[in-house]
Amino acid sequence: MVGVAIAAPAWATWLLWLLWRGSSALRHAAKRRAYGRWHGNYYEFDGRQIRIVFDGDEIFIAAADVFDAFGIEPRGREPDRVRLIAGRDGLTELPGDKLLHFTERGLRAWMERRTDVAAVGFRKWFERMVVAPQRKRLHCV
């Protein structure tokens, strides 16, 4: 009985360590699963993060990130107002994601209405850093 009493803290410590490692692995996996679609699809424009989802040959851009990059006021972010410019299919929700996304065509239509210097820079950045490499990857495979 003395041996069991001496070994009990070591066994308890080992079991707690296993529980800790298992729970941290589950938390990490759950976090990764929630953002699995975004994993590796973050781009940077002018010091701001832009989330982009590639679905086959379709490109979806997180509308909130675009609005943040341009400093759009809350009234300008209203989905109905944006859909008037970007088109009915230009601003959508992806299945399983409540975040609004611009389609590539919708973003181009929305950008055509903007006249500020940042819009020109964003348009060039989007073509060079996002669209061109994606098209190249699709045609090479």
C-alpha atoms as a PDB file:
ATOM      1  CA  MET A   1       0.000   0.000   0.000  1.00  0.00           C
ATOM      2  CA  VAL A   2       2.901   2.355   0.640  1.00  0.00           C
ATOM      3  CA  GLY A   3       4.084   1.895  -2.963  1.00  0.00           C
ATOM      4  CA  VAL A   4       0.648   2.800  -4.329  1.00  0.00           C
ATOM      5  CA  ALA A   5       0.522   5.911  -2.140  1.00  0.00           C
ATOM      6  CA  ILE A   6       3.951   6.991  -3.354  1.00  0.00           C
ATOM      7  CA  ALA A   7       3.185   6.300  -7.045  1.00  0.00           C
ATOM      8  CA  ALA A   8      -0.296   7.899  -7.017  1.00  0.00           C
ATOM      9  CA  PRO A   9       0.900  11.525  -7.494  1.00  0.00           C
ATOM     10  CA  ALA A  10       3.100  10.485 -10.421  1.00  0.00           C
ATOM     11  CA  TRP A  11       0.204   8.643 -12.104  1.00  0.00           C
ATOM     12  CA  ALA A  12      -2.157  11.548 -11.442  1.00  0.00           C
ATOM     13  CA  THR A  13       0.342  14.004 -12.925  1.00  0.00           C
ATOM     14  CA  TRP A  14       0.752  11.812 -15.993  1.00  0.00           C
ATOM     15  CA  LEU A  15      -3.036  11.511 -16.486  1.00  0.00           C
ATOM     16  CA  LEU A  16      -3.499  15.276 -16.080  1.00  0.00           C
ATOM     17  CA  TRP A  17      -0.754  15.867 -18.641  1.00  0.00           C
ATOM     18  CA  LEU A  18      -2.532  13.540 -21.093  1.00  0.00           C
ATOM     19  CA  LEU A  19      -5.837  15.333 -20.518  1.00  0.00           C
ATOM     20  CA  TRP A  20      -4.185  18.727 -21.023  1.00  0.00           C
ATOM     21  CA  ARG A  21      -2.473  17.692 -24.261  1.00  0.00           C
ATOM     22  CA  GLY A  22      -5.643  16.061 -25.596  1.00  0.00           C
ATOM     23  CA  SER A  23      -7.834  19.059 -24.812  1.00  0.00           C
ATOM     24  CA  SER A  24      -5.359  21.498 -26.360  1.00  0.00           C
ATOM     25  CA  ALA A  25      -5.202  19.354 -29.508  1.00  0.00           C
ATOM     26  CA  LEU A  26      -9.005  19.320 -29.723  1.00  0.00           C
ATOM     27  CA  ARG A  27      -9.203  23.104 -29.255  1.00  0.00           C
ATOM     28  CA  HIS A  28      -6.596  23.622 -31.953  1.00  0.00           C
ATOM     29  CA  ALA A  29      -8.416  21.270 -34.355  1.00  0.00           C
ATOM     30  CA  ALA A  30     -11.756  22.990 -33.693  1.00  0.00           C
ATOM     31  CA  LYS A  31     -10.226  26.395 -34.325  1.00  0.00           C
ATOM     32  CA  ARG A  32      -8.596  25.189 -37.534  1.00  0.00           C
ATOM     33  CA  ARG A  33     -11.838  23.623 -38.741  1.00  0.00           C
ATOM     34  CA  ALA A  34     -13.812  26.816 -38.200  1.00  0.00           C
ATOM     35  CA  TYR A  35     -11.372  28.779 -40.337  1.00  0.00           C
ATOM     36  CA  GLY A  36     -10.392  25.927 -42.645  1.00  0.00           C
ATOM     37  CA  ARG A  37     -11.763  27.647 -45.723  1.00  0.00           C
ATOM     38  CA  TRP A  38      -9.641  30.726 -44.961  1.00  0.00           C
ATOM     39  CA  HIS A  39      -6.460  28.805 -44.150  1.00  0.00           C
ATOM     40  CA  GLY A  40      -3.691  30.275 -46.277  1.00  0.00           C
ATOM     41  CA  ASN A  41      -5.993  32.631 -48.182  1.00  0.00           C
ATOM     42  CA  TYR A  42      -5.088  35.899 -46.545  1.00  0.00           C
ATOM     43  CA  TYR A  43      -3.642  38.639 -48.707  1.00  0.00           C
ATOM     44  CA  GLU A  44      -2.392  42.057 -47.714  1.00  0.00           C
ATOM     45  CA  PHE A  45      -3.330  45.310 -49.350  1.00  0.00           C
ATOM     46  CA  ASP A  46      -1.940  48.559 -47.970  1.00  0.00           C
ATOM     47  CA  GLY A  47      -1.264  46.996 -44.565  1.00  0.00           C
ATOM     48  CA  ARG A  48      -4.768  45.497 -44.288  1.00  0.00           C
ATOM     49  CA  GLN A  49      -5.709  41.851 -44.376  1.00  0.00           C
ATOM     50  CA  ILE A  50      -8.020  40.759 -47.193  1.00  0.00           C
ATOM     51  CA  ARG A  51      -9.603  37.298 -46.942  1.00  0.00           C
ATOM     52  CA  ILE A  52     -10.069  35.523 -50.249  1.00  0.00           C
ATOM     53  CA  VAL A  53     -11.701  32.166 -50.967  1.00  0.00           C
ATOM     54  CA  PHE A  54     -10.899  30.232 -54.142  1.00  0.00           C
ATOM     55  CA  ASP A  55     -13.599  27.782 -55.184  1.00  0.00           C
ATOM     56  CA  GLY A  56     -12.518  26.189 -58.431  1.00  0.00           C
ATOM     57  CA  ASP A  57     -12.271  29.056 -60.895  1.00  0.00           C
ATOM     58  CA  GLU A  58     -14.433  31.362 -58.718  1.00  0.00           C
ATOM     59  CA  ILE A  59     -12.871  33.988 -56.472  1.00  0.00           C
ATOM     60  CA  PHE A  60     -14.754  35.326 -53.450  1.00  0.00           C
ATOM     61  CA  ILE A  61     -13.474  38.341 -51.483  1.00  0.00           C
ATOM     62  CA  ALA A  62     -14.653  39.154 -47.946  1.00  0.00           C
ATOM     63  CA  ALA A  63     -16.716  42.324 -48.313  1.00  0.00           C
ATOM     64  CA  ALA A  64     -15.972  43.486 -44.750  1.00  0.00           C
ATOM     65  CA  ASP A  65     -12.236  43.486 -45.506  1.00  0.00           C
ATOM     66  CA  VAL A  66     -12.740  45.518 -48.683  1.00  0.00           C
ATOM     67  CA  PHE A  67     -14.925  48.017 -46.847  1.00  0.00           C
ATOM     68  CA  ASP A  68     -12.321  48.304 -44.076  1.00  0.00           C
ATOM     69  CA  ALA A  69      -9.556  48.883 -46.617  1.00  0.00           C
ATOM     70  CA  PHE A  70     -11.484  51.835 -48.064  1.00  0.00           C
ATOM     71  CA  GLY A  71     -12.856  53.118 -44.758  1.00  0.00           C
ATOM     72  CA  ILE A  72     -16.472  52.783 -45.904  1.00  0.00           C
ATOM     73  CA  GLU A  73     -19.011  54.094 -43.396  1.00  0.00           C
ATOM     74  CA  PRO A  74     -21.696  51.712 -42.031  1.00  0.00           C
ATOM     75  CA  ARG A  75     -24.358  53.193 -44.316  1.00  0.00           C
ATOM     76  CA  GLY A  76     -22.250  52.320 -47.369  1.00  0.00           C
ATOM     77  CA  ARG A  77     -21.903  48.711 -46.161  1.00  0.00           C
ATOM     78  CA  GLU A  78     -25.607  47.936 -46.283  1.00  0.00           C
ATOM     79  CA  PRO A  79     -26.040  44.824 -48.463  1.00  0.00           C
ATOM     80  CA  ASP A  80     -28.994  46.235 -50.402  1.00  0.00           C
ATOM     81  CA  ARG A  81     -27.059  49.374 -51.341  1.00  0.00           C
ATOM     82  CA  VAL A  82     -23.991  47.374 -52.360  1.00  0.00           C
ATOM     83  CA  ARG A  83     -26.094  44.949 -54.424  1.00  0.00           C
ATOM     84  CA  LEU A  84     -27.493  47.873 -56.404  1.00  0.00           C
ATOM     85  CA  ILE A  85     -23.955  48.578 -57.606  1.00  0.00           C
ATOM     86  CA  ALA A  86     -22.364  45.127 -57.605  1.00  0.00           C
ATOM     87  CA  GLY A  87     -25.368  43.292 -58.990  1.00  0.00           C
ATOM     88  CA  ARG A  88     -27.639  40.723 -57.433  1.00  0.00           C
ATOM     89  CA  ASP A  89     -25.004  37.993 -57.640  1.00  0.00           C
ATOM     90  CA  GLY A  90     -22.118  40.367 -56.918  1.00  0.00           C
ATOM     91  CA  LEU A  91     -22.524  40.169 -53.133  1.00  0.00           C
ATOM     92  CA  THR A  92     -23.299  36.709 -51.761  1.00  0.00           C
ATOM     93  CA  GLU A  93     -23.059  34.509 -48.692  1.00  0.00           C
ATOM     94  CA  LEU A  94     -21.103  31.322 -49.126  1.00  0.00           C
ATOM     95  CA  PRO A  95     -22.703  28.120 -47.802  1.00  0.00           C
ATOM     96  CA  GLY A  96     -21.769  27.588 -44.167  1.00  0.00           C
ATOM     97  CA  ASP A  97     -20.447  31.127 -43.780  1.00  0.00           C
ATOM     98  CA  LYS A  98     -22.493  34.152 -42.711  1.00  0.00           C
ATOM     99  CA  LEU A  99     -19.912  36.633 -43.959  1.00  0.00           C
ATOM    100  CA  LEU A 100     -20.808  38.545 -47.128  1.00  0.00           C
ATOM    101  CA  HIS A 101     -18.456  38.070 -50.063  1.00  0.00           C
ATOM    102  CA  PHE A 102     -17.941  39.893 -53.305  1.00  0.00           C
ATOM    103  CA  THR A 103     -17.686  37.737 -56.377  1.00  0.00           C
ATOM    104  CA  GLU A 104     -14.907  38.703 -58.757  1.00  0.00           C
ATOM    105  CA  ARG A 105     -17.406  40.284 -61.151  1.00  0.00           C
ATOM    106  CA  GLY A 106     -19.261  42.027 -58.311  1.00  0.00           C
ATOM    107  CA  LEU A 107     -16.055  43.509 -56.931  1.00  0.00           C
ATOM    108  CA  ARG A 108     -15.099  44.837 -60.356  1.00  0.00           C
ATOM    109  CA  ALA A 109     -18.542  46.428 -60.788  1.00  0.00           C
ATOM    110  CA  TRP A 110     -18.331  47.987 -57.319  1.00  0.00           C
ATOM    111  CA  MET A 111     -14.781  49.239 -57.978  1.00  0.00           C
ATOM    112  CA  GLU A 112     -15.803  50.894 -61.272  1.00  0.00           C
ATOM    113  CA  ARG A 113     -18.006  53.304 -59.306  1.00  0.00           C
ATOM    114  CA  ARG A 114     -15.128  54.404 -57.063  1.00  0.00           C
ATOM    115  CA  THR A 115     -12.941  57.296 -58.212  1.00  0.00           C
ATOM    116  CA  ASP A 116     -10.440  57.688 -55.383  1.00  0.00           C
ATOM    117  CA  VAL A 117      -6.748  56.868 -55.704  1.00  0.00           C
ATOM    118  CA  ALA A 118      -7.020  53.901 -53.337  1.00  0.00           C
ATOM    119  CA  ALA A 119      -9.526  52.274 -55.701  1.00  0.00           C
ATOM    120  CA  VAL A 120      -7.097  52.432 -58.596  1.00  0.00           C
ATOM    121  CA  GLY A 121      -4.363  50.924 -56.423  1.00  0.00           C
ATOM    122  CA  PHE A 122      -6.691  48.223 -55.151  1.00  0.00           C
ATOM    123  CA  ARG A 123      -7.820  47.355 -58.667  1.00  0.00           C
ATOM    124  CA  LYS A 124      -4.206  46.962 -59.847  1.00  0.00           C
ATOM    125  CA  TRP A 125      -3.258  45.006 -56.721  1.00  0.00           C
ATOM    126  CA  PHE A 126      -6.242  42.675 -57.139  1.00  0.00           C
ATOM    127  CA  GLU A 127      -5.393  41.939 -60.772  1.00  0.00           C
ATOM    128  CA  ARG A 128      -1.661  41.421 -60.204  1.00  0.00           C
ATOM    129  CA  MET A 129      -1.549  39.691 -56.825  1.00  0.00           C
ATOM    130  CA  VAL A 130      -4.788  37.673 -56.743  1.00  0.00           C
ATOM    131  CA  VAL A 131      -6.402  37.122 -60.129  1.00  0.00           C
ATOM    132  CA  ALA A 132      -3.332  36.645 -62.353  1.00  0.00           C
ATOM    133  CA  PRO A 133      -1.627  34.042 -60.091  1.00  0.00           C
ATOM    134  CA  GLN A 134      -4.913  32.178 -59.638  1.00  0.00           C
ATOM    135  CA  ARG A 135      -5.523  32.029 -63.389  1.00  0.00           C
ATOM    136  CA  LYS A 136      -1.954  30.868 -63.909  1.00  0.00           C
ATOM    137  CA  ARG A 137      -2.413  28.067 -61.338  1.00  0.00           C
ATOM    138  CA  LEU A 138      -5.660  26.956 -62.962  1.00  0.00           C
ATOM    139  CA  HIS A 139      -4.180  26.809 -66.471  1.00  0.00           C
ATOM    140  CA  CYS A 140      -0.967  25.065 -65.429  1.00  0.00           C
ATOM    141  CA  VAL A 141      -2.708  22.195 -63.650  1.00  0.00           C
END
